[in-house]
Every structure is written in C-alpha cells, then in structure tokens.
Amino acid sequence: MKDPFLAILPRIDVHGETSDTVIYLVSDFINDNLIMGNKKLVIIHGIGEGILKKAINSYFKKDKRVCKIYGDIFNQGITIIELK
C-alpha cells in the first residue's frame, strides 16, 4: 500500500550523488520550496548501503529550517522532510 499523498509532494532524486554533494542539492531544494511555500518534501535517495540516507538525516536534523525528518514505512528509499 502506498501513501497517495506522497505522489503530489515536491521531490528530488539524489541517486548516484556523493554524501557531500547531496547536502548542497537538498539544501537548495529546501530553499526553493520555502520560497514557494511548500512545507513537506520527499527526498529519493534509494536504499543501497544507506550512505545518502545517513548523510541527509544527520545534517538536516540540525537544520533550523527543518521541523521533522522521517522515513516512509512502505518505501525505505525515501526520506520525508517537513519544514517550519
């Protein structure tokens, strides 16, 4: 079962990026969506070895623009970020 509301959320796919690059890409994506007024975003990082997921979670948990960060129980390859 998939969450139908995830399909309409803004998303960025960071497959194949390095853990350093992904921080800049996601940060710019957050800035763009704050300007547009979006409060919930989907980051598609894939499952793999979990390197991108760990980088995203560790960096953006400290980000003042982020209210909440969590995964999807139906898809381990994405992270959902809620903005303030």
N, C-alpha and C. Protein backbone atom coordinates (compact mmCIF):
# COMPACT_ATOMS: atom_id res chain seq x y z
N MET A 1 0.84 -1.18 0.00
CA MET A 1 0.00 0.00 0.00
C MET A 1 0.89 1.24 0.00
N LYS A 2 0.63 2.15 -0.88
CA LYS A 2 1.39 3.39 -0.97
C LYS A 2 0.53 4.54 -0.46
N ASP A 3 1.20 5.54 0.09
CA ASP A 3 0.52 6.74 0.53
C ASP A 3 0.25 7.61 -0.69
N PRO A 4 -1.02 7.83 -1.06
CA PRO A 4 -1.31 8.61 -2.27
C PRO A 4 -0.88 10.07 -2.17
N PHE A 5 -0.73 10.58 -0.97
CA PHE A 5 -0.34 11.98 -0.81
C PHE A 5 1.14 12.21 -1.11
N LEU A 6 1.95 11.16 -1.03
CA LEU A 6 3.37 11.31 -1.36
C LEU A 6 3.57 11.62 -2.84
N ALA A 7 2.66 11.18 -3.67
CA ALA A 7 2.79 11.37 -5.11
C ALA A 7 2.67 12.85 -5.51
N ILE A 8 2.01 13.65 -4.69
CA ILE A 8 1.80 15.05 -5.06
C ILE A 8 2.80 16.00 -4.40
N LEU A 9 3.67 15.47 -3.55
CA LEU A 9 4.65 16.30 -2.87
C LEU A 9 5.85 16.60 -3.77
N PRO A 10 6.48 17.76 -3.58
CA PRO A 10 7.71 18.06 -4.31
C PRO A 10 8.78 17.04 -3.95
N ARG A 11 9.57 16.64 -4.94
CA ARG A 11 10.58 15.61 -4.70
C ARG A 11 11.85 15.90 -5.46
N ILE A 12 12.93 15.37 -4.91
CA ILE A 12 14.22 15.44 -5.58
C ILE A 12 14.84 14.05 -5.52
N ASP A 13 15.42 13.62 -6.63
CA ASP A 13 16.06 12.31 -6.70
C ASP A 13 17.58 12.52 -6.67
N VAL A 14 18.23 11.97 -5.66
CA VAL A 14 19.67 12.17 -5.49
C VAL A 14 20.46 10.88 -5.68
N HIS A 15 19.87 9.91 -6.38
CA HIS A 15 20.60 8.67 -6.69
C HIS A 15 21.93 9.00 -7.36
N GLY A 16 22.98 8.32 -6.96
CA GLY A 16 24.26 8.47 -7.62
C GLY A 16 25.10 9.65 -7.15
N GLU A 17 24.56 10.47 -6.26
CA GLU A 17 25.32 11.61 -5.74
C GLU A 17 26.21 11.15 -4.59
N THR A 18 27.21 11.95 -4.28
CA THR A 18 28.06 11.65 -3.12
C THR A 18 27.41 12.26 -1.87
N SER A 19 27.86 11.83 -0.72
CA SER A 19 27.27 12.34 0.53
C SER A 19 27.55 13.84 0.70
N ASP A 20 28.66 14.33 0.17
CA ASP A 20 28.96 15.77 0.25
C ASP A 20 28.07 16.58 -0.69
N THR A 21 27.90 16.08 -1.89
CA THR A 21 27.09 16.78 -2.89
C THR A 21 25.62 16.80 -2.50
N VAL A 22 25.14 15.73 -1.91
CA VAL A 22 23.72 15.62 -1.59
C VAL A 22 23.29 16.71 -0.60
N ILE A 23 24.16 17.11 0.28
CA ILE A 23 23.83 18.16 1.25
C ILE A 23 23.52 19.47 0.54
N TYR A 24 24.34 19.83 -0.43
CA TYR A 24 24.11 21.07 -1.18
C TYR A 24 22.85 21.00 -2.03
N LEU A 25 22.62 19.87 -2.67
CA LEU A 25 21.43 19.72 -3.51
C LEU A 25 20.16 19.81 -2.69
N VAL A 26 20.12 19.10 -1.57
CA VAL A 26 18.92 19.10 -0.73
C VAL A 26 18.73 20.47 -0.07
N SER A 27 19.81 21.11 0.33
CA SER A 27 19.70 22.43 0.93
C SER A 27 19.11 23.44 -0.04
N ASP A 28 19.56 23.42 -1.28
CA ASP A 28 19.00 24.30 -2.31
C ASP A 28 17.54 23.96 -2.58
N PHE A 29 17.21 22.67 -2.58
CA PHE A 29 15.83 22.21 -2.78
C PHE A 29 14.94 22.73 -1.65
N ILE A 30 15.43 22.70 -0.43
CA ILE A 30 14.68 23.23 0.70
C ILE A 30 14.46 24.73 0.54
N ASN A 31 15.52 25.46 0.17
CA ASN A 31 15.38 26.91 -0.04
C ASN A 31 14.33 27.23 -1.09
N ASP A 32 14.38 26.53 -2.21
CA ASP A 32 13.40 26.76 -3.29
C ASP A 32 11.98 26.51 -2.81
N ASN A 33 11.79 25.44 -2.04
CA ASN A 33 10.45 25.10 -1.59
C ASN A 33 9.95 26.01 -0.47
N LEU A 34 10.84 26.55 0.32
CA LEU A 34 10.43 27.55 1.31
C LEU A 34 9.90 28.79 0.61
N ILE A 35 10.57 29.20 -0.47
CA ILE A 35 10.12 30.35 -1.25
C ILE A 35 8.73 30.09 -1.85
N MET A 36 8.51 28.86 -2.31
CA MET A 36 7.22 28.50 -2.92
C MET A 36 6.14 28.19 -1.89
N GLY A 37 6.51 28.10 -0.62
CA GLY A 37 5.51 27.86 0.43
C GLY A 37 5.20 26.40 0.68
N ASN A 38 6.00 25.49 0.14
CA ASN A 38 5.78 24.06 0.37
C ASN A 38 6.33 23.69 1.74
N LYS A 39 5.61 22.86 2.48
CA LYS A 39 6.01 22.51 3.84
C LYS A 39 6.45 21.05 4.00
N LYS A 40 6.20 20.23 3.00
CA LYS A 40 6.59 18.81 3.09
C LYS A 40 7.26 18.41 1.78
N LEU A 41 8.43 17.76 1.89
CA LEU A 41 9.23 17.39 0.72
C LEU A 41 9.62 15.93 0.78
N VAL A 42 9.86 15.35 -0.38
CA VAL A 42 10.32 13.97 -0.47
C VAL A 42 11.71 13.96 -1.09
N ILE A 43 12.64 13.28 -0.41
CA ILE A 43 14.00 13.10 -0.91
C ILE A 43 14.13 11.63 -1.29
N ILE A 44 14.40 11.35 -2.56
CA ILE A 44 14.57 9.98 -3.03
C ILE A 44 16.06 9.69 -3.08
N HIS A 45 16.52 8.82 -2.21
CA HIS A 45 17.94 8.52 -2.12
C HIS A 45 18.25 7.06 -2.41
N GLY A 46 17.26 6.22 -2.47
CA GLY A 46 17.48 4.79 -2.70
C GLY A 46 17.90 4.10 -1.41
N ILE A 47 18.03 2.79 -1.49
CA ILE A 47 18.36 2.01 -0.30
C ILE A 47 19.86 1.79 -0.23
N GLY A 48 20.43 1.09 -1.16
CA GLY A 48 21.87 0.86 -1.23
C GLY A 48 22.50 0.52 0.11
N GLU A 49 23.60 1.16 0.41
CA GLU A 49 24.29 0.96 1.69
C GLU A 49 23.84 1.96 2.75
N GLY A 50 22.95 2.86 2.40
CA GLY A 50 22.40 3.81 3.34
C GLY A 50 23.25 5.05 3.57
N ILE A 51 24.25 5.26 2.74
CA ILE A 51 25.17 6.39 2.93
C ILE A 51 24.45 7.72 2.74
N LEU A 52 23.66 7.85 1.69
CA LEU A 52 22.96 9.11 1.44
C LEU A 52 21.89 9.36 2.50
N LYS A 53 21.19 8.32 2.90
CA LYS A 53 20.16 8.46 3.93
C LYS A 53 20.78 8.95 5.24
N LYS A 54 21.90 8.38 5.61
CA LYS A 54 22.59 8.79 6.84
C LYS A 54 23.06 10.24 6.76
N ALA A 55 23.61 10.62 5.62
CA ALA A 55 24.09 11.99 5.43
C ALA A 55 22.93 12.99 5.53
N ILE A 56 21.82 12.68 4.88
CA ILE A 56 20.65 13.55 4.91
C ILE A 56 20.11 13.66 6.33
N ASN A 57 19.94 12.53 6.99
CA ASN A 57 19.38 12.55 8.35
C ASN A 57 20.28 13.28 9.34
N SER A 58 21.56 13.01 9.31
CA SER A 58 22.46 13.64 10.30
C SER A 58 22.59 15.14 10.08
N TYR A 59 22.64 15.59 8.83
CA TYR A 59 22.81 17.01 8.57
C TYR A 59 21.53 17.80 8.81
N PHE A 60 20.41 17.31 8.28
CA PHE A 60 19.19 18.11 8.32
C PHE A 60 18.42 18.01 9.63
N LYS A 61 18.80 17.08 10.52
CA LYS A 61 18.21 17.09 11.87
C LYS A 61 18.63 18.34 12.62
N LYS A 62 19.78 18.90 12.28
CA LYS A 62 20.30 20.11 12.93
C LYS A 62 19.89 21.39 12.21
N ASP A 63 19.28 21.26 11.04
CA ASP A 63 18.92 22.42 10.23
C ASP A 63 17.71 23.13 10.84
N LYS A 64 17.82 24.44 11.04
CA LYS A 64 16.75 25.22 11.67
C LYS A 64 15.51 25.34 10.80
N ARG A 65 15.66 25.11 9.50
CA ARG A 65 14.51 25.20 8.60
C ARG A 65 13.64 23.95 8.66
N VAL A 66 14.19 22.87 9.20
CA VAL A 66 13.50 21.57 9.22
C VAL A 66 12.80 21.37 10.56
N CYS A 67 11.53 21.04 10.47
CA CYS A 67 10.72 20.78 11.66
C CYS A 67 10.78 19.29 12.04
N LYS A 68 10.71 18.43 11.02
CA LYS A 68 10.65 16.99 11.26
C LYS A 68 11.25 16.26 10.06
N ILE A 69 11.95 15.16 10.33
CA ILE A 69 12.53 14.35 9.27
C ILE A 69 12.27 12.89 9.61
N TYR A 70 11.74 12.15 8.65
CA TYR A 70 11.39 10.74 8.91
C TYR A 70 11.34 9.95 7.61
N GLY A 71 11.31 8.64 7.74
CA GLY A 71 11.22 7.76 6.59
C GLY A 71 9.79 7.32 6.35
N ASP A 72 9.60 6.62 5.26
CA ASP A 72 8.29 6.07 4.92
C ASP A 72 8.32 4.58 5.19
N ILE A 73 7.32 4.06 5.88
CA ILE A 73 7.34 2.64 6.23
C ILE A 73 7.14 1.74 5.01
N PHE A 74 6.59 2.29 3.95
CA PHE A 74 6.35 1.50 2.74
C PHE A 74 7.49 1.59 1.73
N ASN A 75 8.36 2.58 1.89
CA ASN A 75 9.46 2.77 0.94
C ASN A 75 10.69 3.23 1.70
N GLN A 76 11.63 2.34 1.93
CA GLN A 76 12.84 2.65 2.67
C GLN A 76 13.81 3.55 1.89
N GLY A 77 13.55 3.75 0.61
CA GLY A 77 14.43 4.54 -0.24
C GLY A 77 14.12 6.01 -0.29
N ILE A 78 13.21 6.48 0.59
CA ILE A 78 12.89 7.91 0.61
C ILE A 78 12.95 8.45 2.03
N THR A 79 13.16 9.74 2.13
CA THR A 79 13.10 10.46 3.40
C THR A 79 12.14 11.62 3.19
N ILE A 80 11.29 11.86 4.17
CA ILE A 80 10.32 12.96 4.12
C ILE A 80 10.78 14.04 5.08
N ILE A 81 10.80 15.26 4.59
CA ILE A 81 11.22 16.40 5.40
C ILE A 81 10.05 17.37 5.52
N GLU A 82 9.73 17.75 6.76
CA GLU A 82 8.71 18.77 6.99
C GLU A 82 9.41 20.06 7.40
N LEU A 83 9.04 21.15 6.77
CA LEU A 83 9.67 22.44 7.01
C LEU A 83 8.85 23.29 7.97
N LYS A 84 9.53 24.24 8.62
CA LYS A 84 8.86 25.15 9.56
C LYS A 84 8.07 26.19 8.81
